[in-house]
């Protein structure tokens, strides 16, 4: 059974792209920590989750990467969103808005689920 703080299937790519869109270029560790910060600690992003997602996004052309130095002067790979990535954010956001609207019909506010 999944832990409540696990990343929901299909949401990590959108969170990564949105983080890069708003924050600019970041390394993988910085992306993971920023997502956790935005989620106020309700979500844990593990290394085994973030890096495969970054690789997939790069292969799909939604992000590009280059080597640079981190804040503590270590070599780190920095990721940046592409134009295609920005378009993907819009498509995915619309998809999630539609899914949320559909689910709202099944989970009306103020009613307890038994």
PDB file of N, CA and C in Angstrom:
ATOM      1  N   UNK A   1       0.845  -1.190   0.000  1.00  0.00           N
ATOM      2  CA  UNK A   1       0.000   0.000   0.000  1.00  0.00           C
ATOM      3  C   UNK A   1       0.885   1.247   0.000  1.00  0.00           C
ATOM      4  N   UNK A   2       0.499   2.260  -0.739  1.00  0.00           N
ATOM      5  CA  UNK A   2       1.285   3.481  -0.862  1.00  0.00           C
ATOM      6  C   UNK A   2       1.177   4.333   0.396  1.00  0.00           C
ATOM      7  N   UNK A   3       2.276   4.978   0.723  1.00  0.00           N
ATOM      8  CA  UNK A   3       2.340   5.917   1.824  1.00  0.00           C
ATOM      9  C   UNK A   3       1.618   7.194   1.399  1.00  0.00           C
ATOM     10  N   UNK A   4       0.960   7.874   2.332  1.00  0.00           N
ATOM     11  CA  UNK A   4       0.239   9.102   1.991  1.00  0.00           C
ATOM     12  C   UNK A   4       1.150  10.193   1.465  1.00  0.00           C
ATOM     13  N   UNK A   5       2.446  10.141   1.799  1.00  0.00           N
ATOM     14  CA  UNK A   5       3.369  11.174   1.344  1.00  0.00           C
ATOM     15  C   UNK A   5       4.024  10.829   0.016  1.00  0.00           C
ATOM     16  N   UNK A   6       3.674   9.683  -0.585  1.00  0.00           N
ATOM     17  CA  UNK A   6       4.212   9.307  -1.887  1.00  0.00           C
ATOM     18  C   UNK A   6       3.633  10.201  -2.977  1.00  0.00           C
ATOM     19  N   UNK A   7       4.409  10.382  -4.045  1.00  0.00           N
ATOM     20  CA  UNK A   7       3.948  11.183  -5.175  1.00  0.00           C
ATOM     21  C   UNK A   7       2.883  10.405  -5.933  1.00  0.00           C
ATOM     22  N   UNK A   8       1.763  11.048  -6.255  1.00  0.00           N
ATOM     23  CA  UNK A   8       0.701  10.398  -7.016  1.00  0.00           C
ATOM     24  C   UNK A   8       1.185  10.119  -8.426  1.00  0.00           C
ATOM     25  N   UNK A   9       0.770   8.992  -8.950  1.00  0.00           N
ATOM     26  CA  UNK A   9       1.144   8.597 -10.306  1.00  0.00           C
ATOM     27  C   UNK A   9       0.740   9.688 -11.301  1.00  0.00           C
ATOM     28  N   UNK A  10       1.666  10.089 -12.134  1.00  0.00           N
ATOM     29  CA  UNK A  10       1.368  11.048 -13.193  1.00  0.00           C
ATOM     30  C   UNK A  10       1.456  12.505 -12.797  1.00  0.00           C
ATOM     31  N   UNK A  11       1.712  12.804 -11.544  1.00  0.00           N
ATOM     32  CA  UNK A  11       1.756  14.204 -11.127  1.00  0.00           C
ATOM     33  C   UNK A  11       3.165  14.761 -11.033  1.00  0.00           C
ATOM     34  N   UNK A  12       4.166  13.906 -10.874  1.00  0.00           N
ATOM     35  CA  UNK A  12       5.531  14.387 -10.661  1.00  0.00           C
ATOM     36  C   UNK A  12       6.031  15.187 -11.854  1.00  0.00           C
ATOM     37  N   UNK A  13       5.789  14.730 -13.059  1.00  0.00           N
ATOM     38  CA  UNK A  13       6.258  15.461 -14.242  1.00  0.00           C
ATOM     39  C   UNK A  13       5.683  16.870 -14.264  1.00  0.00           C
ATOM     40  N   UNK A  14       4.406  16.998 -13.977  1.00  0.00           N
ATOM     41  CA  UNK A  14       3.779  18.318 -13.954  1.00  0.00           C
ATOM     42  C   UNK A  14       4.388  19.190 -12.853  1.00  0.00           C
ATOM     43  N   UNK A  15       4.624  18.621 -11.685  1.00  0.00           N
ATOM     44  CA  UNK A  15       5.225  19.397 -10.593  1.00  0.00           C
ATOM     45  C   UNK A  15       6.644  19.854 -10.951  1.00  0.00           C
ATOM     46  N   UNK A  16       7.417  18.984 -11.595  1.00  0.00           N
ATOM     47  CA  UNK A  16       8.777  19.345 -12.004  1.00  0.00           C
ATOM     48  C   UNK A  16       8.732  20.473 -13.029  1.00  0.00           C
ATOM     49  N   UNK A  17       7.912  20.301 -14.057  1.00  0.00           N
ATOM     50  CA  UNK A  17       7.828  21.318 -15.104  1.00  0.00           C
ATOM     51  C   UNK A  17       7.357  22.657 -14.548  1.00  0.00           C
ATOM     52  N   UNK A  18       6.363  22.617 -13.696  1.00  0.00           N
ATOM     53  CA  UNK A  18       5.839  23.861 -13.106  1.00  0.00           C
ATOM     54  C   UNK A  18       6.880  24.527 -12.213  1.00  0.00           C
ATOM     55  N   UNK A  19       7.646  23.719 -11.467  1.00  0.00           N
ATOM     56  CA  UNK A  19       8.708  24.259 -10.613  1.00  0.00           C
ATOM     57  C   UNK A  19       9.767  24.949 -11.457  1.00  0.00           C
ATOM     58  N   UNK A  20      10.196  24.310 -12.539  1.00  0.00           N
ATOM     59  CA  UNK A  20      11.200  24.917 -13.416  1.00  0.00           C
ATOM     60  C   UNK A  20      10.652  26.149 -14.114  1.00  0.00           C
ATOM     61  N   UNK A  21       9.368  26.133 -14.441  1.00  0.00           N
ATOM     62  CA  UNK A  21       8.743  27.283 -15.099  1.00  0.00           C
ATOM     63  C   UNK A  21       8.749  28.501 -14.173  1.00  0.00           C
ATOM     64  N   UNK A  22       8.495  28.285 -12.897  1.00  0.00           N
ATOM     65  CA  UNK A  22       8.400  29.414 -11.967  1.00  0.00           C
ATOM     66  C   UNK A  22       9.736  29.797 -11.340  1.00  0.00           C
ATOM     67  N   UNK A  23      10.618  28.811 -11.124  1.00  0.00           N
ATOM     68  CA  UNK A  23      11.871  29.068 -10.410  1.00  0.00           C
ATOM     69  C   UNK A  23      13.073  29.285 -11.329  1.00  0.00           C
ATOM     70  N   UNK A  24      12.974  28.843 -12.583  1.00  0.00           N
ATOM     71  CA  UNK A  24      14.127  28.894 -13.466  1.00  0.00           C
ATOM     72  C   UNK A  24      14.980  27.649 -13.270  1.00  0.00           C
ATOM     73  N   UNK A  25      16.174  27.608 -13.858  1.00  0.00           N
ATOM     74  CA  UNK A  25      17.023  26.417 -13.798  1.00  0.00           C
ATOM     75  C   UNK A  25      17.356  25.999 -12.359  1.00  0.00           C
ATOM     76  N   UNK A  26      17.240  24.701 -12.096  1.00  0.00           N
ATOM     77  CA  UNK A  26      17.553  24.119 -10.790  1.00  0.00           C
ATOM     78  C   UNK A  26      18.181  22.748 -10.986  1.00  0.00           C
ATOM     79  N   UNK A  27      18.936  22.305  -9.992  1.00  0.00           N
ATOM     80  CA  UNK A  27      19.444  20.932 -10.015  1.00  0.00           C
ATOM     81  C   UNK A  27      18.394  20.014  -9.400  1.00  0.00           C
ATOM     82  N   UNK A  28      18.555  18.702  -9.607  1.00  0.00           N
ATOM     83  CA  UNK A  28      17.557  17.727  -9.166  1.00  0.00           C
ATOM     84  C   UNK A  28      17.218  17.827  -7.697  1.00  0.00           C
ATOM     85  N   UNK A  29      18.234  17.955  -6.847  1.00  0.00           N
ATOM     86  CA  UNK A  29      17.995  18.063  -5.411  1.00  0.00           C
ATOM     87  C   UNK A  29      17.167  19.314  -5.105  1.00  0.00           C
ATOM     88  N   UNK A  30      17.489  20.426  -5.768  1.00  0.00           N
ATOM     89  CA  UNK A  30      16.749  21.667  -5.557  1.00  0.00           C
ATOM     90  C   UNK A  30      15.305  21.562  -5.997  1.00  0.00           C
ATOM     91  N   UNK A  31      15.072  20.861  -7.107  1.00  0.00           N
ATOM     92  CA  UNK A  31      13.700  20.654  -7.592  1.00  0.00           C
ATOM     93  C   UNK A  31      12.908  19.849  -6.567  1.00  0.00           C
ATOM     94  N   UNK A  32      13.507  18.753  -6.094  1.00  0.00           N
ATOM     95  CA  UNK A  32      12.826  17.890  -5.118  1.00  0.00           C
ATOM     96  C   UNK A  32      12.493  18.654  -3.847  1.00  0.00           C
ATOM     97  N   UNK A  33      13.454  19.419  -3.322  1.00  0.00           N
ATOM     98  CA  UNK A  33      13.205  20.160  -2.085  1.00  0.00           C
ATOM     99  C   UNK A  33      12.160  21.238  -2.289  1.00  0.00           C
ATOM    100  N   UNK A  34      12.152  21.894  -3.450  1.00  0.00           N
ATOM    101  CA  UNK A  34      11.165  22.940  -3.718  1.00  0.00           C
ATOM    102  C   UNK A  34       9.755  22.348  -3.798  1.00  0.00           C
ATOM    103  N   UNK A  35       9.622  21.198  -4.444  1.00  0.00           N
ATOM    104  CA  UNK A  35       8.320  20.531  -4.498  1.00  0.00           C
ATOM    105  C   UNK A  35       7.844  20.206  -3.090  1.00  0.00           C
ATOM    106  N   UNK A  36       8.728  19.671  -2.249  1.00  0.00           N
ATOM    107  CA  UNK A  36       8.365  19.357  -0.866  1.00  0.00           C
ATOM    108  C   UNK A  36       7.973  20.619  -0.102  1.00  0.00           C
ATOM    109  N   UNK A  37       8.699  21.703  -0.356  1.00  0.00           N
ATOM    110  CA  UNK A  37       8.401  22.976   0.320  1.00  0.00           C
ATOM    111  C   UNK A  37       7.020  23.489  -0.091  1.00  0.00           C
ATOM    112  N   UNK A  38       6.725  23.466  -1.379  1.00  0.00           N
ATOM    113  CA  UNK A  38       5.429  23.929  -1.866  1.00  0.00           C
ATOM    114  C   UNK A  38       4.305  23.076  -1.272  1.00  0.00           C
ATOM    115  N   UNK A  39       4.556  21.779  -1.146  1.00  0.00           N
ATOM    116  CA  UNK A  39       3.553  20.849  -0.591  1.00  0.00           C
ATOM    117  C   UNK A  39       3.540  20.863   0.929  1.00  0.00           C
ATOM    118  N   UNK A  40       4.330  21.729   1.533  1.00  0.00           N
ATOM    119  CA  UNK A  40       4.408  21.892   2.986  1.00  0.00           C
ATOM    120  C   UNK A  40       4.694  20.573   3.692  1.00  0.00           C
ATOM    121  N   UNK A  41       5.611  19.792   3.106  1.00  0.00           N
ATOM    122  CA  UNK A  41       6.040  18.543   3.731  1.00  0.00           C
ATOM    123  C   UNK A  41       5.042  17.401   3.633  1.00  0.00           C
ATOM    124  N   UNK A  42       3.943  17.595   2.933  1.00  0.00           N
ATOM    125  CA  UNK A  42       2.944  16.523   2.802  1.00  0.00           C
ATOM    126  C   UNK A  42       3.339  15.510   1.740  1.00  0.00           C
ATOM    127  N   UNK A  43       4.405  15.795   1.023  1.00  0.00           N
ATOM    128  CA  UNK A  43       4.871  14.945  -0.064  1.00  0.00           C
ATOM    129  C   UNK A  43       6.378  14.781   0.064  1.00  0.00           C
ATOM    130  N   UNK A  44       6.877  13.583  -0.099  1.00  0.00           N
ATOM    131  CA  UNK A  44       8.305  13.304  -0.066  1.00  0.00           C
ATOM    132  C   UNK A  44       8.728  12.897  -1.475  1.00  0.00           C
ATOM    133  N   UNK A  45       9.753  13.573  -2.012  1.00  0.00           N
ATOM    134  CA  UNK A  45      10.260  13.250  -3.347  1.00  0.00           C
ATOM    135  C   UNK A  45      11.622  12.593  -3.173  1.00  0.00           C
ATOM    136  N   UNK A  46      11.698  11.314  -3.474  1.00  0.00           N
ATOM    137  CA  UNK A  46      12.924  10.541  -3.286  1.00  0.00           C
ATOM    138  C   UNK A  46      13.810  10.609  -4.530  1.00  0.00           C
ATOM    139  N   UNK A  47      15.128  10.374  -4.330  1.00  0.00           N
ATOM    140  CA  UNK A  47      16.078  10.380  -5.449  1.00  0.00           C
ATOM    141  C   UNK A  47      15.676   9.372  -6.518  1.00  0.00           C
ATOM    142  N   UNK A  48      15.214   8.213  -6.090  1.00  0.00           N
ATOM    143  CA  UNK A  48      14.824   7.164  -7.020  1.00  0.00           C
ATOM    144  C   UNK A  48      13.581   7.502  -7.810  1.00  0.00           C
ATOM    145  N   UNK A  49      12.930   8.595  -7.446  1.00  0.00           N
ATOM    146  CA  UNK A  49      11.732   9.049  -8.139  1.00  0.00           C
ATOM    147  C   UNK A  49      12.040  10.248  -9.033  1.00  0.00           C
ATOM    148  N   UNK A  50      12.803  11.207  -8.499  1.00  0.00           N
ATOM    149  CA  UNK A  50      13.024  12.464  -9.222  1.00  0.00           C
ATOM    150  C   UNK A  50      13.914  12.282 -10.445  1.00  0.00           C
ATOM    151  N   UNK A  51      15.008  11.528 -10.308  1.00  0.00           N
ATOM    152  CA  UNK A  51      15.961  11.442 -11.419  1.00  0.00           C
ATOM    153  C   UNK A  51      15.430  10.658 -12.622  1.00  0.00           C
ATOM    154  N   UNK A  52      14.718   9.551 -12.443  1.00  0.00           N
ATOM    155  CA  UNK A  52      14.106   8.918 -13.621  1.00  0.00           C
ATOM    156  C   UNK A  52      13.081   9.841 -14.302  1.00  0.00           C
ATOM    157  N   UNK A  53      12.356  10.614 -13.511  1.00  0.00           N
ATOM    158  CA  UNK A  53      11.379  11.551 -14.083  1.00  0.00           C
ATOM    159  C   UNK A  53      12.093  12.642 -14.877  1.00  0.00           C
ATOM    160  N   UNK A  54      13.204  13.153 -14.348  1.00  0.00           N
ATOM    161  CA  UNK A  54      13.975  14.172 -15.061  1.00  0.00           C
ATOM    162  C   UNK A  54      14.525  13.612 -16.375  1.00  0.00           C
ATOM    163  N   UNK A  55      15.022  12.392 -16.340  1.00  0.00           N
ATOM    164  CA  UNK A  55      15.543  11.753 -17.546  1.00  0.00           C
ATOM    165  C   UNK A  55      14.445  11.606 -18.604  1.00  0.00           C
ATOM    166  N   UNK A  56      13.267  11.156 -18.183  1.00  0.00           N
ATOM    167  CA  UNK A  56      12.132  11.004 -19.096  1.00  0.00           C
ATOM    168  C   UNK A  56      11.725  12.351 -19.704  1.00  0.00           C
ATOM    169  N   UNK A  57      11.665  13.376 -18.877  1.00  0.00           N
ATOM    170  CA  UNK A  57      11.294  14.704 -19.364  1.00  0.00           C
ATOM    171  C   UNK A  57      12.325  15.237 -20.360  1.00  0.00           C
ATOM    172  N   UNK A  58      13.584  14.942 -20.096  1.00  0.00           N
ATOM    173  CA  UNK A  58      14.638  15.382 -21.016  1.00  0.00           C
ATOM    174  C   UNK A  58      14.550  14.613 -22.342  1.00  0.00           C
ATOM    175  N   UNK A  59      14.309  13.325 -22.271  1.00  0.00           N
ATOM    176  CA  UNK A  59      14.163  12.512 -23.477  1.00  0.00           C
ATOM    177  C   UNK A  59      12.954  12.949 -24.300  1.00  0.00           C
ATOM    178  N   UNK A  60      11.911  13.414 -23.634  1.00  0.00           N
ATOM    179  CA  UNK A  60      10.706  13.882 -24.318  1.00  0.00           C
ATOM    180  C   UNK A  60      10.856  15.300 -24.869  1.00  0.00           C
ATOM    181  N   UNK A  61      11.962  15.972 -24.527  1.00  0.00           N
ATOM    182  CA  UNK A  61      12.220  17.318 -25.018  1.00  0.00           C
ATOM    183  C   UNK A  61      11.562  18.420 -24.216  1.00  0.00           C
ATOM    184  N   UNK A  62      11.061  18.097 -23.028  1.00  0.00           N
ATOM    185  CA  UNK A  62      10.391  19.095 -22.202  1.00  0.00           C
ATOM    186  C   UNK A  62      11.357  19.888 -21.324  1.00  0.00           C
ATOM    187  N   UNK A  63      12.540  19.336 -21.098  1.00  0.00           N
ATOM    188  CA  UNK A  63      13.585  20.033 -20.345  1.00  0.00           C
ATOM    189  C   UNK A  63      14.929  19.763 -21.026  1.00  0.00           C
ATOM    190  N   UNK A  64      15.902  20.616 -20.738  1.00  0.00           N
ATOM    191  CA  UNK A  64      17.284  20.400 -21.163  1.00  0.00           C
ATOM    192  C   UNK A  64      18.145  20.532 -19.910  1.00  0.00           C
ATOM    193  N   UNK A  65      19.354  19.968 -19.973  1.00  0.00           N
ATOM    194  CA  UNK A  65      20.223  20.045 -18.804  1.00  0.00           C
ATOM    195  C   UNK A  65      21.633  20.445 -19.210  1.00  0.00           C
ATOM    196  N   UNK A  66      22.352  20.995 -18.247  1.00  0.00           N
ATOM    197  CA  UNK A  66      23.772  21.296 -18.431  1.00  0.00           C
ATOM    198  C   UNK A  66      24.441  21.264 -17.068  1.00  0.00           C
ATOM    199  N   UNK A  67      25.729  20.971 -17.093  1.00  0.00           N
ATOM    200  CA  UNK A  67      26.488  20.892 -15.851  1.00  0.00           C
ATOM    201  C   UNK A  67      26.845  22.287 -15.364  1.00  0.00           C
ATOM    202  N   UNK A  68      26.828  22.454 -14.050  1.00  0.00           N
ATOM    203  CA  UNK A  68      27.210  23.705 -13.413  1.00  0.00           C
ATOM    204  C   UNK A  68      27.647  23.422 -11.986  1.00  0.00           C
ATOM    205  N   UNK A  69      27.895  24.479 -11.227  1.00  0.00           N
ATOM    206  CA  UNK A  69      28.285  24.339  -9.827  1.00  0.00           C
ATOM    207  C   UNK A  69      27.113  24.704  -8.925  1.00  0.00           C
ATOM    208  N   UNK A  70      26.903  23.880  -7.904  1.00  0.00           N
ATOM    209  CA  UNK A  70      25.816  24.125  -6.949  1.00  0.00           C
ATOM    210  C   UNK A  70      26.232  25.199  -5.948  1.00  0.00           C
ATOM    211  N   UNK A  71      25.326  25.513  -5.033  1.00  0.00           N
ATOM    212  CA  UNK A  71      25.575  26.527  -4.008  1.00  0.00           C
ATOM    213  C   UNK A  71      26.793  26.186  -3.150  1.00  0.00           C
ATOM    214  N   UNK A  72      27.022  24.886  -2.920  1.00  0.00           N
ATOM    215  CA  UNK A  72      28.162  24.473  -2.100  1.00  0.00           C
ATOM    216  C   UNK A  72      29.361  24.070  -2.971  1.00  0.00           C
ATOM    217  N   UNK A  73      29.403  24.615  -4.189  1.00  0.00           N
ATOM    218  CA  UNK A  73      30.522  24.461  -5.125  1.00  0.00           C
ATOM    219  C   UNK A  73      30.773  23.021  -5.571  1.00  0.00           C
ATOM    220  N   UNK A  74      29.718  22.235  -5.626  1.00  0.00           N
ATOM    221  CA  UNK A  74      29.802  20.881  -6.174  1.00  0.00           C
ATOM    222  C   UNK A  74      29.239  20.887  -7.580  1.00  0.00           C
ATOM    223  N   UNK A  75      29.767  19.982  -8.391  1.00  0.00           N
ATOM    224  CA  UNK A  75      29.249  19.847  -9.744  1.00  0.00           C
ATOM    225  C   UNK A  75      27.838  19.266  -9.695  1.00  0.00           C
ATOM    226  N   UNK A  76      26.929  19.888 -10.423  1.00  0.00           N
ATOM    227  CA  UNK A  76      25.539  19.434 -10.426  1.00  0.00           C
ATOM    228  C   UNK A  76      24.952  19.657 -11.813  1.00  0.00           C
ATOM    229  N   UNK A  77      24.017  18.830 -12.155  1.00  0.00           N
ATOM    230  CA  UNK A  77      23.311  18.972 -13.434  1.00  0.00           C
ATOM    231  C   UNK A  77      22.099  19.871 -13.205  1.00  0.00           C
ATOM    232  N   UNK A  78      22.040  20.967 -13.965  1.00  0.00           N
ATOM    233  CA  UNK A  78      20.936  21.919 -13.862  1.00  0.00           C
ATOM    234  C   UNK A  78      19.945  21.684 -15.000  1.00  0.00           C
ATOM    235  N   UNK A  79      18.666  21.740 -14.658  1.00  0.00           N
ATOM    236  CA  UNK A  79      17.595  21.480 -15.617  1.00  0.00           C
ATOM    237  C   UNK A  79      16.831  22.767 -15.894  1.00  0.00           C
ATOM    238  N   UNK A  80      16.426  22.919 -17.150  1.00  0.00           N
ATOM    239  CA  UNK A  80      15.700  24.112 -17.581  1.00  0.00           C
ATOM    240  C   UNK A  80      14.550  23.678 -18.481  1.00  0.00           C
ATOM    241  N   UNK A  81      13.392  24.302 -18.331  1.00  0.00           N
ATOM    242  CA  UNK A  81      12.221  23.965 -19.139  1.00  0.00           C
ATOM    243  C   UNK A  81      12.391  24.514 -20.557  1.00  0.00           C
ATOM    244  N   UNK A  82      11.879  23.777 -21.533  1.00  0.00           N
ATOM    245  CA  UNK A  82      11.917  24.198 -22.932  1.00  0.00           C
ATOM    246  C   UNK A  82      10.559  24.770 -23.332  1.00  0.00           C
ATOM    247  N   UNK A  83      10.485  25.275 -24.541  1.00  0.00           N
ATOM    248  CA  UNK A  83       9.211  25.775 -25.063  1.00  0.00           C
ATOM    249  C   UNK A  83       8.182  24.649 -25.105  1.00  0.00           C
ATOM    250  N   UNK A  84       8.627  23.463 -25.539  1.00  0.00           N
ATOM    251  CA  UNK A  84       7.728  22.298 -25.557  1.00  0.00           C
ATOM    252  C   UNK A  84       7.275  21.948 -24.139  1.00  0.00           C
ATOM    253  N   UNK A  85       8.155  22.119 -23.164  1.00  0.00           N
ATOM    254  CA  UNK A  85       7.810  21.865 -21.766  1.00  0.00           C
ATOM    255  C   UNK A  85       6.742  22.823 -21.263  1.00  0.00           C
ATOM    256  N   UNK A  86       6.834  24.073 -21.674  1.00  0.00           N
ATOM    257  CA  UNK A  86       5.816  25.069 -21.281  1.00  0.00           C
ATOM    258  C   UNK A  86       4.449  24.705 -21.871  1.00  0.00           C
ATOM    259  N   UNK A  87       4.465  24.251 -23.121  1.00  0.00           N
ATOM    260  CA  UNK A  87       3.198  23.816 -23.731  1.00  0.00           C
ATOM    261  C   UNK A  87       2.643  22.597 -22.991  1.00  0.00           C
ATOM    262  N   UNK A  88       3.528  21.692 -22.587  1.00  0.00           N
ATOM    263  CA  UNK A  88       3.106  20.491 -21.858  1.00  0.00           C
ATOM    264  C   UNK A  88       2.493  20.857 -20.510  1.00  0.00           C
ATOM    265  N   UNK A  89       3.052  21.864 -19.843  1.00  0.00           N
ATOM    266  CA  UNK A  89       2.479  22.327 -18.563  1.00  0.00           C
ATOM    267  C   UNK A  89       1.036  22.743 -18.781  1.00  0.00           C
ATOM    268  N   UNK A  90       0.775  23.496 -19.836  1.00  0.00           N
ATOM    269  CA  UNK A  90      -0.594  23.957 -20.112  1.00  0.00           C
ATOM    270  C   UNK A  90      -1.525  22.774 -20.373  1.00  0.00           C
ATOM    271  N   UNK A  91      -1.060  21.823 -21.199  1.00  0.00           N
ATOM    272  CA  UNK A  91      -1.902  20.650 -21.507  1.00  0.00           C
ATOM    273  C   UNK A  91      -2.202  19.848 -20.250  1.00  0.00           C
ATOM    274  N   UNK A  92      -1.174  19.575 -19.453  1.00  0.00           N
ATOM    275  CA  UNK A  92      -1.352  18.772 -18.238  1.00  0.00           C
ATOM    276  C   UNK A  92      -2.214  19.499 -17.216  1.00  0.00           C
ATOM    277  N   UNK A  93      -2.043  20.807 -17.086  1.00  0.00           N
ATOM    278  CA  UNK A  93      -2.857  21.580 -16.144  1.00  0.00           C
ATOM    279  C   UNK A  93      -4.332  21.501 -16.542  1.00  0.00           C
ATOM    280  N   UNK A  94      -4.615  21.611 -17.837  1.00  0.00           N
ATOM    281  CA  UNK A  94      -6.003  21.493 -18.301  1.00  0.00           C
ATOM    282  C   UNK A  94      -6.557  20.106 -18.015  1.00  0.00           C
ATOM    283  N   UNK A  95      -5.718  19.088 -18.219  1.00  0.00           N
ATOM    284  CA  UNK A  95      -6.144  17.706 -17.951  1.00  0.00           C
ATOM    285  C   UNK A  95      -6.486  17.520 -16.479  1.00  0.00           C
ATOM    286  N   UNK A  96      -5.656  18.062 -15.577  1.00  0.00           N
ATOM    287  CA  UNK A  96      -5.907  17.926 -14.144  1.00  0.00           C
ATOM    288  C   UNK A  96      -7.118  18.745 -13.702  1.00  0.00           C
ATOM    289  N   UNK A  97      -7.308  19.902 -14.291  1.00  0.00           N
ATOM    290  CA  UNK A  97      -8.496  20.702 -13.963  1.00  0.00           C
ATOM    291  C   UNK A  97      -9.770  19.952 -14.347  1.00  0.00           C
ATOM    292  N   UNK A  98      -9.747  19.306 -15.505  1.00  0.00           N
ATOM    293  CA  UNK A  98     -10.901  18.531 -15.953  1.00  0.00           C
ATOM    294  C   UNK A  98     -11.139  17.340 -15.025  1.00  0.00           C
ATOM    295  N   UNK A  99     -10.061  16.627 -14.669  1.00  0.00           N
ATOM    296  CA  UNK A  99     -10.178  15.475 -13.768  1.00  0.00           C
ATOM    297  C   UNK A  99     -10.712  15.908 -12.403  1.00  0.00           C
ATOM    298  N   UNK A 100     -10.240  17.032 -11.901  1.00  0.00           N
ATOM    299  CA  UNK A 100     -10.696  17.544 -10.610  1.00  0.00           C
ATOM    300  C   UNK A 100     -12.176  17.891 -10.662  1.00  0.00           C
ATOM    301  N   UNK A 101     -12.601  18.509 -11.754  1.00  0.00           N
ATOM    302  CA  UNK A 101     -14.020  18.863 -11.900  1.00  0.00           C
ATOM    303  C   UNK A 101     -14.895  17.614 -11.943  1.00  0.00           C
ATOM    304  N   UNK A 102     -14.421  16.579 -12.623  1.00  0.00           N
ATOM    305  CA  UNK A 102     -15.183  15.323 -12.680  1.00  0.00           C
ATOM    306  C   UNK A 102     -15.258  14.691 -11.297  1.00  0.00           C
ATOM    307  N   UNK A 103     -14.133  14.632 -10.592  1.00  0.00           N
ATOM    308  CA  UNK A 103     -14.116  14.027  -9.253  1.00  0.00           C
ATOM    309  C   UNK A 103     -14.969  14.801  -8.260  1.00  0.00           C
ATOM    310  N   UNK A 104     -15.088  16.097  -8.466  1.00  0.00           N
ATOM    311  CA  UNK A 104     -15.902  16.911  -7.562  1.00  0.00           C
ATOM    312  C   UNK A 104     -17.352  16.451  -7.550  1.00  0.00           C
ATOM    313  N   UNK A 105     -17.816  15.857  -8.636  1.00  0.00           N
ATOM    314  CA  UNK A 105     -19.190  15.335  -8.684  1.00  0.00           C
ATOM    315  C   UNK A 105     -19.358  14.122  -7.765  1.00  0.00           C
ATOM    316  N   UNK A 106     -18.279  13.403  -7.539  1.00  0.00           N
ATOM    317  CA  UNK A 106     -18.329  12.213  -6.693  1.00  0.00           C
ATOM    318  C   UNK A 106     -17.988  12.513  -5.243  1.00  0.00           C
ATOM    319  N   UNK A 107     -17.289  13.619  -5.005  1.00  0.00           N
ATOM    320  CA  UNK A 107     -16.865  13.968  -3.657  1.00  0.00           C
ATOM    321  C   UNK A 107     -17.308  15.397  -3.329  1.00  0.00           C
ATOM    322  N   UNK A 108     -18.600  15.609  -3.174  1.00  0.00           N
ATOM    323  CA  UNK A 108     -19.068  16.977  -2.918  1.00  0.00           C
ATOM    324  C   UNK A 108     -18.525  17.494  -1.588  1.00  0.00           C
ATOM    325  N   UNK A 109     -18.194  18.791  -1.536  1.00  0.00           N
ATOM    326  CA  UNK A 109     -17.649  19.357  -0.301  1.00  0.00           C
ATOM    327  C   UNK A 109     -18.645  19.288   0.842  1.00  0.00           C
ATOM    328  N   UNK A 110     -18.132  19.056   2.028  1.00  0.00           N
ATOM    329  CA  UNK A 110     -18.952  19.033   3.223  1.00  0.00           C
ATOM    330  C   UNK A 110     -19.641  17.709   3.505  1.00  0.00           C
ATOM    331  N   UNK A 111     -19.517  16.758   2.611  1.00  0.00           N
ATOM    332  CA  UNK A 111     -20.158  15.445   2.849  1.00  0.00           C
ATOM    333  C   UNK A 111     -19.087  14.453   3.208  1.00  0.00           C
ATOM    334  N   UNK A 112     -19.356  13.708   4.259  1.00  0.00           N
ATOM    335  CA  UNK A 112     -18.409  12.702   4.741  1.00  0.00           C
ATOM    336  C   UNK A 112     -18.514  11.427   3.905  1.00  0.00           C
ATOM    337  N   UNK A 113     -17.359  10.893   3.547  1.00  0.00           N
ATOM    338  CA  UNK A 113     -17.304   9.628   2.797  1.00  0.00           C
ATOM    339  C   UNK A 113     -17.234   8.492   3.798  1.00  0.00           C
ATOM    340  N   UNK A 114     -18.137   7.527   3.664  1.00  0.00           N
ATOM    341  CA  UNK A 114     -18.116   6.400   4.615  1.00  0.00           C
ATOM    342  C   UNK A 114     -17.500   5.171   4.009  1.00  0.00           C
TER     343      UNK A 114
END
